[in-house]
Amino acid sequence: MSHPEVTLSDKTIHNPSEPRHFMRVKPVGRHVRVLNGDTVLARSDNAAYVIEVGRDVYDPVIYFPRADIVADVEVTDRSSHCPLKGDATYFRLKDAGSSDEIAWSYESPLEFADAIKGLVGFYTGGLTIEIGPSSS
């Protein structure tokens, strides 16, 4: 959904009820890994940056295809709603002895935000995200 009167980008996804709230999903174009200490949680050549503008310009988040998550994760009881993306599901490491959430996804995003369907974002606190050389 493009709103040229709000942004110059023709590839942004806008909140229909507030077009000044938008995001851009774009490929990272490099090999990306998420680590918890020395343990790899996810690795992908198909990760995407999600850059969001709402009440602020938020830090970009790297989202991974669900199939590229190599850690054993389980869904927590928490959920939240974003008017741009939809309802979020949260994950923690299974059998890790911690209830700390490490990631989230929009399993059924709002129709206009379908570009993030099947993608998982990781919290950066306590985790390491490594971006390798260009894959091209």
N, C-alpha and C. Protein backbone atom coordinates (compact mmCIF):
# COMPACT_ATOMS: atom_id res chain seq x y z
N MET A 1 0.85 -1.16 0.00
CA MET A 1 0.00 0.00 0.00
C MET A 1 0.90 1.23 0.00
N SER A 2 0.91 1.96 -1.08
CA SER A 2 1.77 3.13 -1.23
C SER A 2 0.99 4.40 -0.89
N HIS A 3 1.68 5.32 -0.27
CA HIS A 3 1.13 6.64 0.05
C HIS A 3 2.16 7.68 -0.37
N PRO A 4 2.22 8.03 -1.67
CA PRO A 4 3.26 8.94 -2.13
C PRO A 4 3.22 10.30 -1.45
N GLU A 5 2.08 10.69 -0.90
CA GLU A 5 2.00 11.98 -0.22
C GLU A 5 2.69 11.94 1.14
N VAL A 6 3.05 10.76 1.63
CA VAL A 6 3.66 10.62 2.94
C VAL A 6 5.15 10.32 2.85
N THR A 7 5.54 9.53 1.88
CA THR A 7 6.93 9.11 1.76
C THR A 7 7.32 9.06 0.28
N LEU A 8 8.59 9.20 0.01
CA LEU A 8 9.07 9.12 -1.36
C LEU A 8 9.23 7.68 -1.83
N SER A 9 9.30 6.74 -0.91
CA SER A 9 9.51 5.34 -1.26
C SER A 9 8.22 4.72 -1.79
N ASP A 10 8.34 3.98 -2.88
CA ASP A 10 7.16 3.29 -3.40
C ASP A 10 7.10 1.85 -2.92
N LYS A 11 8.02 1.46 -2.02
CA LYS A 11 8.06 0.09 -1.52
C LYS A 11 7.73 0.00 -0.03
N THR A 12 7.14 1.04 0.52
CA THR A 12 6.80 1.02 1.94
C THR A 12 5.40 0.45 2.15
N ILE A 13 5.20 -0.10 3.34
CA ILE A 13 3.92 -0.65 3.76
C ILE A 13 3.37 0.28 4.82
N HIS A 14 2.17 0.80 4.60
CA HIS A 14 1.60 1.82 5.48
C HIS A 14 0.42 1.28 6.28
N ASN A 15 0.30 1.79 7.49
CA ASN A 15 -0.87 1.56 8.32
C ASN A 15 -2.02 2.34 7.68
N PRO A 16 -3.08 1.68 7.22
CA PRO A 16 -4.15 2.40 6.52
C PRO A 16 -4.82 3.48 7.36
N SER A 17 -4.90 3.29 8.66
CA SER A 17 -5.55 4.29 9.50
C SER A 17 -4.61 5.42 9.91
N GLU A 18 -3.30 5.25 9.69
CA GLU A 18 -2.31 6.29 10.00
C GLU A 18 -1.13 6.12 9.04
N PRO A 19 -1.24 6.70 7.83
CA PRO A 19 -0.22 6.48 6.81
C PRO A 19 1.18 7.00 7.18
N ARG A 20 1.29 7.82 8.23
CA ARG A 20 2.63 8.24 8.68
C ARG A 20 3.33 7.13 9.46
N HIS A 21 2.62 6.03 9.75
CA HIS A 21 3.19 4.84 10.39
C HIS A 21 3.43 3.82 9.28
N PHE A 22 4.70 3.60 8.96
CA PHE A 22 5.01 2.71 7.83
C PHE A 22 6.29 1.95 8.08
N MET A 23 6.50 0.94 7.24
CA MET A 23 7.73 0.14 7.34
C MET A 23 8.20 -0.21 5.94
N ARG A 24 9.46 -0.56 5.89
CA ARG A 24 10.08 -1.03 4.64
C ARG A 24 10.74 -2.36 4.97
N VAL A 25 10.47 -3.37 4.17
CA VAL A 25 11.08 -4.69 4.31
C VAL A 25 12.02 -4.85 3.13
N LYS A 26 13.31 -5.07 3.44
CA LYS A 26 14.27 -5.23 2.36
C LYS A 26 15.31 -6.29 2.70
N PRO A 27 15.76 -7.02 1.71
CA PRO A 27 16.73 -8.10 1.97
C PRO A 27 18.03 -7.57 2.57
N VAL A 28 18.60 -8.34 3.49
CA VAL A 28 19.91 -8.00 4.03
C VAL A 28 20.98 -8.23 2.95
N GLY A 29 20.85 -9.31 2.19
CA GLY A 29 21.79 -9.58 1.11
C GLY A 29 23.13 -10.13 1.57
N ARG A 30 23.17 -10.62 2.80
CA ARG A 30 24.39 -11.19 3.38
C ARG A 30 23.99 -12.37 4.26
N HIS A 31 24.97 -13.19 4.60
CA HIS A 31 24.72 -14.28 5.54
C HIS A 31 24.63 -13.67 6.94
N VAL A 32 23.59 -14.03 7.68
CA VAL A 32 23.37 -13.47 9.01
C VAL A 32 23.17 -14.62 9.99
N ARG A 33 23.77 -14.45 11.19
CA ARG A 33 23.61 -15.43 12.27
C ARG A 33 23.20 -14.71 13.54
N VAL A 34 22.42 -15.40 14.36
CA VAL A 34 22.10 -14.95 15.71
C VAL A 34 22.67 -15.98 16.66
N LEU A 35 23.42 -15.50 17.67
CA LEU A 35 24.04 -16.39 18.64
C LEU A 35 23.65 -16.01 20.05
N ASN A 36 23.52 -17.02 20.87
CA ASN A 36 23.37 -16.86 22.31
C ASN A 36 24.63 -17.46 22.91
N GLY A 37 25.62 -16.62 23.22
CA GLY A 37 26.95 -17.12 23.59
C GLY A 37 27.56 -17.75 22.35
N ASP A 38 27.93 -19.02 22.44
CA ASP A 38 28.49 -19.74 21.30
C ASP A 38 27.44 -20.55 20.54
N THR A 39 26.20 -20.52 21.00
CA THR A 39 25.15 -21.33 20.39
C THR A 39 24.44 -20.55 19.30
N VAL A 40 24.42 -21.13 18.11
CA VAL A 40 23.73 -20.50 16.98
C VAL A 40 22.23 -20.74 17.13
N LEU A 41 21.45 -19.65 17.09
CA LEU A 41 20.00 -19.74 17.18
C LEU A 41 19.35 -19.71 15.80
N ALA A 42 19.95 -18.95 14.89
CA ALA A 42 19.42 -18.83 13.53
C ALA A 42 20.56 -18.47 12.59
N ARG A 43 20.44 -18.94 11.35
CA ARG A 43 21.39 -18.57 10.31
C ARG A 43 20.63 -18.50 8.99
N SER A 44 20.95 -17.48 8.20
CA SER A 44 20.18 -17.31 6.98
C SER A 44 20.92 -16.50 5.93
N ASP A 45 20.67 -16.84 4.69
CA ASP A 45 21.07 -16.02 3.55
C ASP A 45 19.87 -15.24 3.02
N ASN A 46 18.73 -15.39 3.69
CA ASN A 46 17.48 -14.77 3.22
C ASN A 46 16.84 -13.88 4.28
N ALA A 47 17.63 -13.34 5.19
CA ALA A 47 17.11 -12.46 6.23
C ALA A 47 16.71 -11.12 5.61
N ALA A 48 15.85 -10.41 6.33
CA ALA A 48 15.36 -9.12 5.84
C ALA A 48 15.42 -8.08 6.95
N TYR A 49 15.79 -6.86 6.55
CA TYR A 49 15.68 -5.73 7.46
C TYR A 49 14.23 -5.27 7.46
N VAL A 50 13.71 -4.95 8.64
CA VAL A 50 12.43 -4.27 8.75
C VAL A 50 12.74 -2.93 9.41
N ILE A 51 12.48 -1.89 8.65
CA ILE A 51 12.75 -0.52 9.10
C ILE A 51 11.39 0.15 9.28
N GLU A 52 11.10 0.59 10.49
CA GLU A 52 9.77 1.11 10.81
C GLU A 52 9.83 2.56 11.28
N VAL A 53 8.86 3.33 10.82
CA VAL A 53 8.68 4.71 11.25
C VAL A 53 7.29 4.81 11.84
N GLY A 54 7.23 5.24 13.09
CA GLY A 54 5.95 5.41 13.77
C GLY A 54 6.04 6.65 14.63
N ARG A 55 5.96 6.46 15.93
CA ARG A 55 6.14 7.59 16.85
C ARG A 55 7.60 8.00 16.92
N ASP A 56 8.46 7.20 16.30
CA ASP A 56 9.90 7.45 16.22
C ASP A 56 10.40 6.73 14.97
N VAL A 57 11.65 6.93 14.62
CA VAL A 57 12.29 6.11 13.61
C VAL A 57 12.98 5.00 14.40
N TYR A 58 12.44 3.80 14.32
CA TYR A 58 12.92 2.69 15.13
C TYR A 58 14.18 2.08 14.52
N ASP A 59 15.01 1.50 15.38
CA ASP A 59 16.19 0.81 14.90
C ASP A 59 15.76 -0.32 13.97
N PRO A 60 16.50 -0.55 12.89
CA PRO A 60 16.16 -1.68 12.01
C PRO A 60 16.24 -2.99 12.78
N VAL A 61 15.36 -3.91 12.43
CA VAL A 61 15.35 -5.25 13.02
C VAL A 61 15.60 -6.24 11.89
N ILE A 62 16.44 -7.22 12.14
CA ILE A 62 16.67 -8.26 11.14
C ILE A 62 15.73 -9.41 11.46
N TYR A 63 14.91 -9.76 10.48
CA TYR A 63 13.97 -10.87 10.60
C TYR A 63 14.50 -12.05 9.78
N PHE A 64 14.31 -13.25 10.32
CA PHE A 64 14.78 -14.49 9.70
C PHE A 64 13.59 -15.33 9.25
N PRO A 65 13.70 -16.00 8.12
CA PRO A 65 12.66 -16.97 7.78
C PRO A 65 12.55 -18.02 8.88
N ARG A 66 11.35 -18.40 9.21
CA ARG A 66 11.12 -19.37 10.29
C ARG A 66 11.93 -20.65 10.06
N ALA A 67 12.06 -21.06 8.81
CA ALA A 67 12.80 -22.29 8.49
C ALA A 67 14.29 -22.18 8.82
N ASP A 68 14.80 -20.95 8.99
CA ASP A 68 16.22 -20.75 9.28
C ASP A 68 16.53 -20.64 10.77
N ILE A 69 15.52 -20.86 11.61
CA ILE A 69 15.71 -20.88 13.05
C ILE A 69 16.18 -22.29 13.41
N VAL A 70 17.38 -22.40 13.96
CA VAL A 70 17.92 -23.73 14.29
C VAL A 70 17.80 -24.06 15.77
N ALA A 71 17.47 -23.08 16.59
CA ALA A 71 17.28 -23.31 18.02
C ALA A 71 15.92 -23.96 18.27
N ASP A 72 15.83 -24.67 19.36
CA ASP A 72 14.56 -25.26 19.78
C ASP A 72 13.82 -24.21 20.60
N VAL A 73 12.79 -23.62 20.02
CA VAL A 73 12.05 -22.55 20.69
C VAL A 73 10.62 -22.99 20.94
N GLU A 74 10.00 -22.31 21.91
CA GLU A 74 8.60 -22.56 22.19
C GLU A 74 7.88 -21.23 22.35
N VAL A 75 6.60 -21.26 22.09
CA VAL A 75 5.76 -20.06 22.17
C VAL A 75 5.47 -19.76 23.63
N THR A 76 5.52 -18.48 23.99
CA THR A 76 5.15 -18.04 25.34
C THR A 76 3.66 -17.70 25.36
N ASP A 77 3.17 -17.32 26.52
CA ASP A 77 1.75 -16.95 26.67
C ASP A 77 1.48 -15.51 26.24
N ARG A 78 2.52 -14.74 26.05
CA ARG A 78 2.33 -13.31 25.76
C ARG A 78 2.00 -13.07 24.29
N SER A 79 1.23 -12.05 24.06
CA SER A 79 0.97 -11.57 22.70
C SER A 79 0.81 -10.06 22.77
N SER A 80 0.94 -9.42 21.63
CA SER A 80 0.72 -7.98 21.55
C SER A 80 0.18 -7.66 20.17
N HIS A 81 -0.29 -6.44 20.00
CA HIS A 81 -0.86 -6.04 18.72
C HIS A 81 -0.17 -4.77 18.21
N CYS A 82 0.18 -4.78 16.95
CA CYS A 82 0.72 -3.61 16.26
C CYS A 82 -0.26 -3.25 15.15
N PRO A 83 -0.68 -1.99 15.05
CA PRO A 83 -1.64 -1.62 14.00
C PRO A 83 -1.04 -1.66 12.59
N LEU A 84 0.27 -1.80 12.50
CA LEU A 84 0.92 -1.90 11.20
C LEU A 84 1.18 -3.36 10.80
N LYS A 85 1.48 -4.20 11.80
CA LYS A 85 1.89 -5.57 11.48
C LYS A 85 0.87 -6.62 11.91
N GLY A 86 0.16 -6.42 12.98
CA GLY A 86 -0.82 -7.40 13.45
C GLY A 86 -0.48 -7.90 14.83
N ASP A 87 -0.89 -9.13 15.13
CA ASP A 87 -0.69 -9.74 16.45
C ASP A 87 0.63 -10.49 16.49
N ALA A 88 1.44 -10.18 17.50
CA ALA A 88 2.76 -10.81 17.64
C ALA A 88 2.68 -12.01 18.57
N THR A 89 3.44 -13.04 18.21
CA THR A 89 3.65 -14.23 19.02
C THR A 89 5.09 -14.16 19.51
N TYR A 90 5.34 -14.55 20.76
CA TYR A 90 6.68 -14.46 21.34
C TYR A 90 7.24 -15.85 21.63
N PHE A 91 8.58 -15.95 21.56
CA PHE A 91 9.27 -17.23 21.73
C PHE A 91 10.35 -17.13 22.79
N ARG A 92 10.62 -18.26 23.43
CA ARG A 92 11.75 -18.41 24.34
C ARG A 92 12.44 -19.72 23.97
N LEU A 93 13.67 -19.86 24.44
CA LEU A 93 14.39 -21.10 24.21
C LEU A 93 13.74 -22.22 25.00
N LYS A 94 13.49 -23.33 24.36
CA LYS A 94 12.88 -24.48 25.02
C LYS A 94 13.93 -25.18 25.87
N ASP A 95 13.54 -25.59 27.06
CA ASP A 95 14.42 -26.34 27.97
C ASP A 95 15.70 -25.59 28.31
N ALA A 96 15.66 -24.26 28.31
CA ALA A 96 16.86 -23.48 28.64
C ALA A 96 16.88 -23.05 30.10
N GLY A 97 15.81 -23.34 30.82
CA GLY A 97 15.75 -22.95 32.22
C GLY A 97 15.50 -21.47 32.41
N SER A 98 15.09 -20.78 31.35
CA SER A 98 14.83 -19.35 31.44
C SER A 98 13.50 -19.05 30.76
N SER A 99 12.77 -18.12 31.33
CA SER A 99 11.51 -17.70 30.73
C SER A 99 11.69 -16.46 29.86
N ASP A 100 12.94 -16.03 29.66
CA ASP A 100 13.21 -14.84 28.86
C ASP A 100 12.82 -15.04 27.41
N GLU A 101 12.07 -14.10 26.89
CA GLU A 101 11.72 -14.14 25.47
C GLU A 101 12.92 -13.72 24.64
N ILE A 102 13.14 -14.39 23.54
CA ILE A 102 14.28 -14.07 22.68
C ILE A 102 13.85 -13.60 21.30
N ALA A 103 12.59 -13.85 20.93
CA ALA A 103 12.18 -13.55 19.56
C ALA A 103 10.67 -13.36 19.49
N TRP A 104 10.21 -12.89 18.34
CA TRP A 104 8.78 -12.71 18.10
C TRP A 104 8.52 -12.86 16.60
N SER A 105 7.27 -13.09 16.28
CA SER A 105 6.87 -13.13 14.88
C SER A 105 5.41 -12.72 14.75
N TYR A 106 5.03 -12.44 13.54
CA TYR A 106 3.64 -12.13 13.21
C TYR A 106 3.16 -13.30 12.36
N GLU A 107 2.61 -14.32 13.03
CA GLU A 107 2.22 -15.55 12.37
C GLU A 107 1.14 -15.32 11.31
N SER A 108 0.23 -14.42 11.60
CA SER A 108 -0.84 -14.05 10.66
C SER A 108 -0.89 -12.53 10.59
N PRO A 109 0.07 -11.92 9.89
CA PRO A 109 0.09 -10.45 9.86
C PRO A 109 -1.14 -9.89 9.16
N LEU A 110 -1.36 -8.62 9.39
CA LEU A 110 -2.43 -7.93 8.68
C LEU A 110 -2.18 -8.10 7.18
N GLU A 111 -3.25 -8.15 6.41
CA GLU A 111 -3.14 -8.45 4.98
C GLU A 111 -2.14 -7.56 4.24
N PHE A 112 -2.15 -6.28 4.53
CA PHE A 112 -1.24 -5.36 3.83
C PHE A 112 0.21 -5.50 4.29
N ALA A 113 0.45 -6.23 5.40
CA ALA A 113 1.81 -6.44 5.92
C ALA A 113 2.29 -7.88 5.68
N ASP A 114 1.74 -8.53 4.69
CA ASP A 114 2.04 -9.93 4.39
C ASP A 114 3.53 -10.19 4.13
N ALA A 115 4.30 -9.16 3.84
CA ALA A 115 5.73 -9.33 3.56
C ALA A 115 6.50 -9.88 4.77
N ILE A 116 5.94 -9.76 5.97
CA ILE A 116 6.64 -10.27 7.16
C ILE A 116 6.12 -11.63 7.62
N LYS A 117 5.18 -12.19 6.88
CA LYS A 117 4.64 -13.50 7.25
C LYS A 117 5.75 -14.55 7.18
N GLY A 118 5.84 -15.37 8.22
CA GLY A 118 6.84 -16.42 8.27
C GLY A 118 8.22 -15.95 8.69
N LEU A 119 8.34 -14.70 9.12
CA LEU A 119 9.63 -14.15 9.55
C LEU A 119 9.66 -14.00 11.07
N VAL A 120 10.86 -14.16 11.64
CA VAL A 120 11.05 -14.08 13.10
C VAL A 120 12.12 -13.04 13.40
N GLY A 121 11.81 -12.11 14.29
CA GLY A 121 12.77 -11.11 14.74
C GLY A 121 13.32 -11.50 16.11
N PHE A 122 14.58 -11.20 16.35
CA PHE A 122 15.22 -11.52 17.63
C PHE A 122 15.53 -10.24 18.40
N TYR A 123 15.37 -10.31 19.72
CA TYR A 123 15.82 -9.23 20.58
C TYR A 123 17.34 -9.21 20.54
N THR A 124 17.92 -8.03 20.56
CA THR A 124 19.38 -7.94 20.47
C THR A 124 20.04 -7.94 21.85
N GLY A 125 19.32 -7.63 22.91
CA GLY A 125 19.92 -7.64 24.24
C GLY A 125 20.32 -9.04 24.65
N GLY A 126 21.60 -9.24 24.92
CA GLY A 126 22.09 -10.54 25.34
C GLY A 126 22.38 -11.51 24.20
N LEU A 127 21.98 -11.18 23.00
CA LEU A 127 22.26 -12.01 21.83
C LEU A 127 23.24 -11.27 20.93
N THR A 128 23.91 -12.02 20.07
CA THR A 128 24.84 -11.43 19.10
C THR A 128 24.30 -11.68 17.70
N ILE A 129 24.26 -10.63 16.90
CA ILE A 129 23.88 -10.77 15.51
C ILE A 129 25.10 -10.48 14.66
N GLU A 130 25.48 -11.46 13.85
CA GLU A 130 26.63 -11.33 12.97
C GLU A 130 26.16 -11.23 11.52
N ILE A 131 26.66 -10.21 10.84
CA ILE A 131 26.34 -10.04 9.42
C ILE A 131 27.63 -10.26 8.65
N GLY A 132 27.61 -11.27 7.79
CA GLY A 132 28.79 -11.66 7.04
C GLY A 132 28.99 -10.84 5.77
N PRO A 133 29.94 -11.24 4.95
CA PRO A 133 30.18 -10.53 3.70
C PRO A 133 29.02 -10.67 2.74
N SER A 134 28.99 -9.81 1.77
CA SER A 134 27.93 -9.82 0.77
C SER A 134 27.84 -11.18 0.10
N SER A 135 26.62 -11.64 -0.12
CA SER A 135 26.41 -12.93 -0.76
C SER A 135 26.41 -12.82 -2.28
N SER A 136 26.58 -11.62 -2.82
CA SER A 136 26.59 -11.47 -4.27
C SER A 136 27.97 -11.43 -4.86
